[in-house]
Protein backbone atom coordinates (compact mmCIF):
# COMPACT_ATOMS: atom_id res chain seq x y z
CA MET A 1 18.44 149.62 11.40
CA SER A 2 20.48 148.66 8.32
CA ARG A 3 23.54 150.52 7.06
CA THR A 4 21.75 151.43 3.82
CA GLU A 5 20.85 154.96 4.93
CA SER A 6 24.54 155.83 4.73
CA ALA A 7 25.36 153.44 1.89
CA PRO A 8 28.21 154.25 -0.47
CA SER A 9 27.54 155.66 -3.89
CA GLY A 10 29.34 155.86 -7.19
CA THR A 11 31.14 153.37 -9.40
CA PRO A 12 31.09 149.75 -8.17
CA LEU A 13 34.25 148.36 -6.68
CA LEU A 14 33.19 145.03 -8.18
CA ALA A 15 30.85 144.41 -11.10
CA ALA A 16 29.89 140.90 -12.19
CA ARG A 17 27.58 140.50 -15.17
CA GLY A 18 25.95 137.44 -16.67
CA LEU A 19 27.79 134.83 -14.60
CA ARG A 20 27.02 131.32 -15.80
CA LYS A 21 28.28 128.04 -14.40
CA ALA A 22 27.31 124.43 -14.96
CA PHE A 23 28.61 121.22 -13.45
CA GLY A 24 27.90 118.58 -16.06
CA GLN A 25 24.25 118.92 -17.03
CA HIS A 26 23.39 120.87 -13.88
CA GLU A 27 23.25 124.61 -14.51
CA VAL A 28 24.16 126.17 -11.17
CA LEU A 29 24.28 129.84 -12.20
CA LYS A 30 22.01 131.26 -14.90
CA SER A 31 23.25 134.76 -15.78
CA ILE A 32 23.85 136.30 -12.35
CA ASP A 33 24.65 140.01 -11.88
CA VAL A 34 26.32 141.34 -8.71
CA ASN A 35 27.48 144.92 -8.15
CA VAL A 36 29.26 145.95 -4.97
CA ARG A 37 30.25 149.54 -4.25
CA ARG A 38 33.23 150.47 -2.13
CA GLY A 39 32.36 150.14 1.57
CA GLU A 40 29.15 148.26 0.82
CA VAL A 41 27.91 144.98 2.30
CA VAL A 42 25.91 142.70 -0.01
CA THR A 43 24.36 139.56 1.49
CA LEU A 44 23.33 136.51 -0.53
CA ILE A 45 20.51 134.44 0.91
CA GLY A 46 18.60 131.46 -0.39
CA PRO A 47 18.03 127.73 0.03
CA SER A 48 20.79 125.15 -0.16
CA GLY A 49 21.81 124.52 -3.74
CA SER A 50 20.67 127.91 -5.01
CA GLY A 51 24.17 128.85 -6.23
CA LYS A 52 25.25 131.32 -3.53
CA THR A 53 28.62 129.72 -2.77
CA THR A 54 29.34 129.25 -6.47
CA VAL A 55 28.85 133.00 -6.96
CA LEU A 56 31.47 133.69 -4.27
CA ARG A 57 33.91 131.21 -5.76
CA CYS A 58 33.49 132.77 -9.21
CA LEU A 59 34.14 136.25 -7.80
CA ASP A 60 37.35 134.99 -6.20
CA GLY A 61 38.54 132.95 -9.17
CA LEU A 62 38.35 129.70 -7.20
CA GLU A 63 35.73 128.56 -9.72
CA ILE A 64 35.97 129.44 -13.41
CA PRO A 65 32.61 130.66 -14.78
CA ASP A 66 31.44 129.31 -18.13
CA GLY A 67 30.52 132.84 -19.16
CA GLY A 68 30.07 136.37 -17.94
CA VAL A 69 32.33 139.22 -16.90
CA VAL A 70 33.94 140.00 -13.55
CA GLU A 71 35.63 143.35 -13.20
CA PHE A 72 37.06 145.78 -10.74
CA PRO A 73 36.27 148.87 -12.85
CA GLY A 74 39.32 150.82 -13.91
CA ASP A 75 41.59 148.08 -12.57
CA LEU A 76 40.78 144.62 -13.94
CA SER A 77 38.22 143.11 -16.31
CA ILE A 78 37.90 139.42 -17.19
CA ASP A 79 35.54 138.09 -19.85
CA PHE A 80 34.96 134.41 -19.15
CA SER A 81 33.40 133.78 -22.55
CA ALA A 82 36.99 133.66 -23.84
CA GLU A 83 40.03 131.77 -22.54
CA VAL A 84 41.34 133.29 -19.33
CA SER A 85 45.05 133.33 -18.53
CA ARG A 86 46.58 132.28 -15.24
CA LYS A 87 47.86 135.82 -14.88
CA HIS A 88 44.34 137.25 -14.98
CA LEU A 89 43.04 134.64 -12.51
CA ALA A 90 45.91 135.43 -10.15
CA ALA A 91 45.09 139.13 -10.44
CA LEU A 92 41.45 138.41 -9.58
CA ARG A 93 42.45 136.36 -6.53
CA ASP A 94 44.81 139.11 -5.38
CA ARG A 95 41.90 141.52 -5.06
CA SER A 96 39.70 139.46 -2.75
CA ALA A 97 39.98 137.08 0.19
CA MET A 98 37.62 134.30 1.22
CA VAL A 99 36.50 133.30 4.71
CA PHE A 100 35.34 129.70 4.45
CA GLN A 101 32.50 127.90 6.16
CA HIS A 102 34.78 125.27 7.69
CA TYR A 103 37.75 127.55 8.53
CA ASN A 104 40.29 125.73 6.28
CA LEU A 105 43.19 126.46 8.64
CA PHE A 106 46.41 124.50 8.20
CA PRO A 107 46.31 122.03 11.14
CA HIS A 108 50.11 121.83 11.49
CA MET A 109 50.49 125.62 11.83
CA THR A 110 49.79 127.90 14.78
CA ALA A 111 47.26 130.70 14.46
CA LEU A 112 50.05 133.18 13.76
CA GLN A 113 51.67 130.92 11.17
CA ASN A 114 48.33 130.45 9.40
CA ILE A 115 47.86 134.21 9.19
CA ILE A 116 51.29 135.14 7.85
CA GLU A 117 51.51 132.32 5.30
CA GLY A 118 49.77 134.28 2.53
CA PRO A 119 51.42 137.66 3.10
CA VAL A 120 54.91 136.13 3.31
CA GLN A 121 54.79 133.24 0.83
CA VAL A 122 52.38 134.64 -1.78
CA GLN A 123 52.68 138.41 -1.46
CA LYS A 124 56.39 138.29 -0.57
CA ARG A 125 56.03 140.81 2.24
CA PRO A 126 58.71 141.00 4.96
CA LYS A 127 58.07 138.41 7.65
CA ALA A 128 58.54 140.86 10.53
CA GLU A 129 55.98 143.21 9.01
CA ALA A 130 53.49 140.36 8.50
CA ILE A 131 53.93 139.15 12.09
CA ALA A 132 53.41 142.62 13.53
CA GLU A 133 50.25 143.12 11.50
CA ALA A 134 48.96 139.64 12.37
CA ARG A 135 49.38 140.34 16.09
CA GLU A 136 47.47 143.61 15.77
CA LEU A 137 44.64 141.85 13.97
CA LEU A 138 44.51 139.00 16.48
CA ALA A 139 44.22 141.53 19.28
CA ARG A 140 41.42 143.26 17.38
CA VAL A 141 39.31 140.07 17.35
CA GLY A 142 40.10 139.18 20.97
CA LEU A 143 42.68 136.48 20.29
CA ALA A 144 45.94 138.16 21.27
CA ASP A 145 46.74 135.27 23.61
CA LYS A 146 46.14 132.57 20.96
CA GLU A 147 48.89 133.31 18.43
CA ASN A 148 50.81 130.14 19.35
CA SER A 149 47.75 127.89 19.53
CA TYR A 150 47.12 125.22 16.92
CA PRO A 151 43.65 124.87 15.36
CA PHE A 152 42.82 121.78 17.47
CA GLU A 153 43.39 123.89 20.58
CA LEU A 154 40.84 126.51 19.50
CA SER A 155 37.05 126.50 19.57
CA GLY A 156 35.15 126.71 16.32
CA GLY A 157 34.44 130.37 16.92
CA GLN A 158 38.10 131.09 17.62
CA GLN A 159 39.15 129.21 14.49
CA GLN A 160 36.73 131.23 12.41
CA ARG A 161 38.04 134.48 13.87
CA VAL A 162 41.56 133.35 12.92
CA GLY A 163 40.18 132.68 9.44
CA ILE A 164 38.84 136.23 9.29
CA VAL A 165 42.21 137.63 10.41
CA ARG A 166 43.96 135.50 7.78
CA ALA A 167 41.75 137.12 5.12
CA LEU A 168 42.31 140.63 6.48
CA ALA A 169 46.08 140.11 6.54
CA LEU A 170 46.05 139.83 2.74
CA ARG A 171 44.82 143.44 2.54
CA PRO A 172 42.13 142.60 -0.03
CA LYS A 173 39.84 145.06 -1.73
CA LEU A 174 36.92 142.69 -1.20
CA LEU A 175 36.09 140.27 1.62
CA LEU A 176 33.99 137.20 0.78
CA PHE A 177 32.25 135.21 3.54
CA ASP A 178 30.77 131.79 2.80
CA GLU A 179 28.25 130.95 5.55
CA PRO A 180 30.80 131.98 8.22
CA THR A 181 28.67 130.80 11.16
CA SER A 182 26.92 127.70 9.83
CA ALA A 183 29.52 125.27 11.24
CA LEU A 184 29.49 126.85 14.71
CA ASP A 185 27.68 125.88 17.88
CA PRO A 186 24.87 128.40 18.50
CA GLU A 187 26.58 129.99 21.50
CA LEU A 188 29.66 130.80 19.38
CA VAL A 189 27.82 132.50 16.51
CA GLY A 190 27.54 135.89 18.20
CA ASP A 191 31.30 136.44 18.57
CA VAL A 192 31.91 135.87 14.86
CA LEU A 193 28.96 138.01 13.74
CA THR A 194 30.17 140.82 16.00
CA VAL A 195 33.56 140.80 14.29
CA ILE A 196 31.95 140.90 10.84
CA LYS A 197 29.64 143.73 11.88
CA GLU A 198 32.62 145.73 13.18
CA LEU A 199 34.37 145.23 9.84
CA ALA A 200 31.24 146.50 8.08
CA ASP A 201 31.15 149.53 10.35
CA ASP A 202 34.82 150.17 9.54
CA GLY A 203 33.97 150.36 5.83
CA TRP A 204 35.21 147.02 4.50
CA THR A 205 33.60 145.97 1.24
CA MET A 206 32.00 142.55 1.66
CA VAL A 207 29.83 139.92 0.03
CA VAL A 208 28.38 137.59 2.66
CA VAL A 209 26.50 134.34 2.11
CA THR A 210 24.42 133.84 5.25
CA HIS A 211 21.28 132.30 6.69
CA GLU A 212 21.33 134.73 9.64
CA LEU A 213 18.51 137.00 8.51
CA ALA A 214 18.60 139.33 11.52
CA PHE A 215 22.30 139.86 10.89
CA ALA A 216 21.68 140.51 7.20
CA ARG A 217 19.00 143.05 8.04
CA GLU A 218 21.39 144.87 10.38
CA VAL A 219 24.55 145.03 8.27
CA ALA A 220 23.50 144.74 4.62
CA ASP A 221 23.19 147.55 2.13
CA GLU A 222 21.64 145.11 -0.34
CA VAL A 223 20.12 141.65 0.07
CA ILE A 224 20.03 139.28 -2.90
CA PHE A 225 17.71 136.27 -2.71
CA MET A 226 18.72 133.40 -5.01
CA ASP A 227 16.91 130.21 -5.91
CA GLY A 228 17.60 127.70 -8.65
CA GLY A 229 20.63 129.57 -9.95
CA VAL A 230 18.83 132.87 -10.57
CA VAL A 231 18.29 136.09 -8.64
CA VAL A 232 14.64 136.05 -7.56
CA GLU A 233 14.70 139.36 -5.70
CA ARG A 234 17.18 141.99 -4.64
CA GLY A 235 17.00 145.28 -2.80
CA HIS A 236 16.97 147.09 0.52
CA PRO A 237 16.97 144.62 3.46
CA ASP A 238 13.80 146.15 4.87
CA THR A 239 12.03 145.27 1.62
CA VAL A 240 13.47 141.84 0.91
CA LEU A 241 13.40 140.58 4.49
CA ARG A 242 10.27 142.29 5.85
CA ASP A 243 7.98 142.87 2.88
CA PRO A 244 9.28 140.90 -0.11
CA ARG A 245 7.63 141.40 -3.46
CA GLU A 246 8.08 137.82 -4.67
CA GLU A 247 6.12 134.93 -3.20
CA ARG A 248 9.15 132.61 -3.34
CA THR A 249 11.15 135.10 -1.26
CA ARG A 250 8.30 135.38 1.22
CA GLN A 251 8.14 131.59 1.62
CA PHE A 252 11.88 131.33 2.26
CA VAL A 253 12.00 134.20 4.76
CA ASP A 254 8.94 132.91 6.64
CA ARG A 255 10.46 129.43 6.87
CA LEU A 256 13.67 130.76 8.42
CA LEU A 257 11.93 133.16 10.79
CA HIS A 258 9.16 130.73 11.77
CA PRO A 259 10.59 127.21 11.41
CA PHE A 260 7.85 125.51 13.45
């Protein structure tokens, strides 16, 4: 059963309208809209190259859209059809945190050092406070005994859980996950998905790019299927993943569920 039956309502926490992005002559995003309400989980699915990761990077300010609007209503609004200041980009990045596909941990830092780097160096929070919070979060994901371990001493699943804790430690309004399990060995996927599901159950607002359809069906309030830089279909996970309206969506879902 999905979480949609108890889905949040009201004004979106995040509203993105008309996002466009091209790399050279290749138009990656063609007027994409994404709305995420507080406490909601939106999953982006679609084939490789469909623009899912670019959407995440635009929402976080890691990529600058060529057009469109990204706003946290009542808090921040950025129109990318005009020149955007560094101050506005920094404000956008302050409101979200990204969990990357390939962990992106600093190899010369321990797990604890990786986690407190942002809170201490960027947010200027007291180091003792950041350490205490980091230890609580590590314990929450089952890594209390790994705070002094370096990335090379951790499994892929453990590194990704440290990456999730690093994002949580920034206290973002919005968590962004870019294919968080695609680089993991199959037996390690479950631990990471369990952590993400627990965060969803705790009410974190999230946008998740994933190819794990069973996971999307369980945690998502809305599923968005993208292909060729456009939204082909969006809606309740039971509709999009079990009885899609669009033939292109049906082909994609069938291919993932029945690969042979």
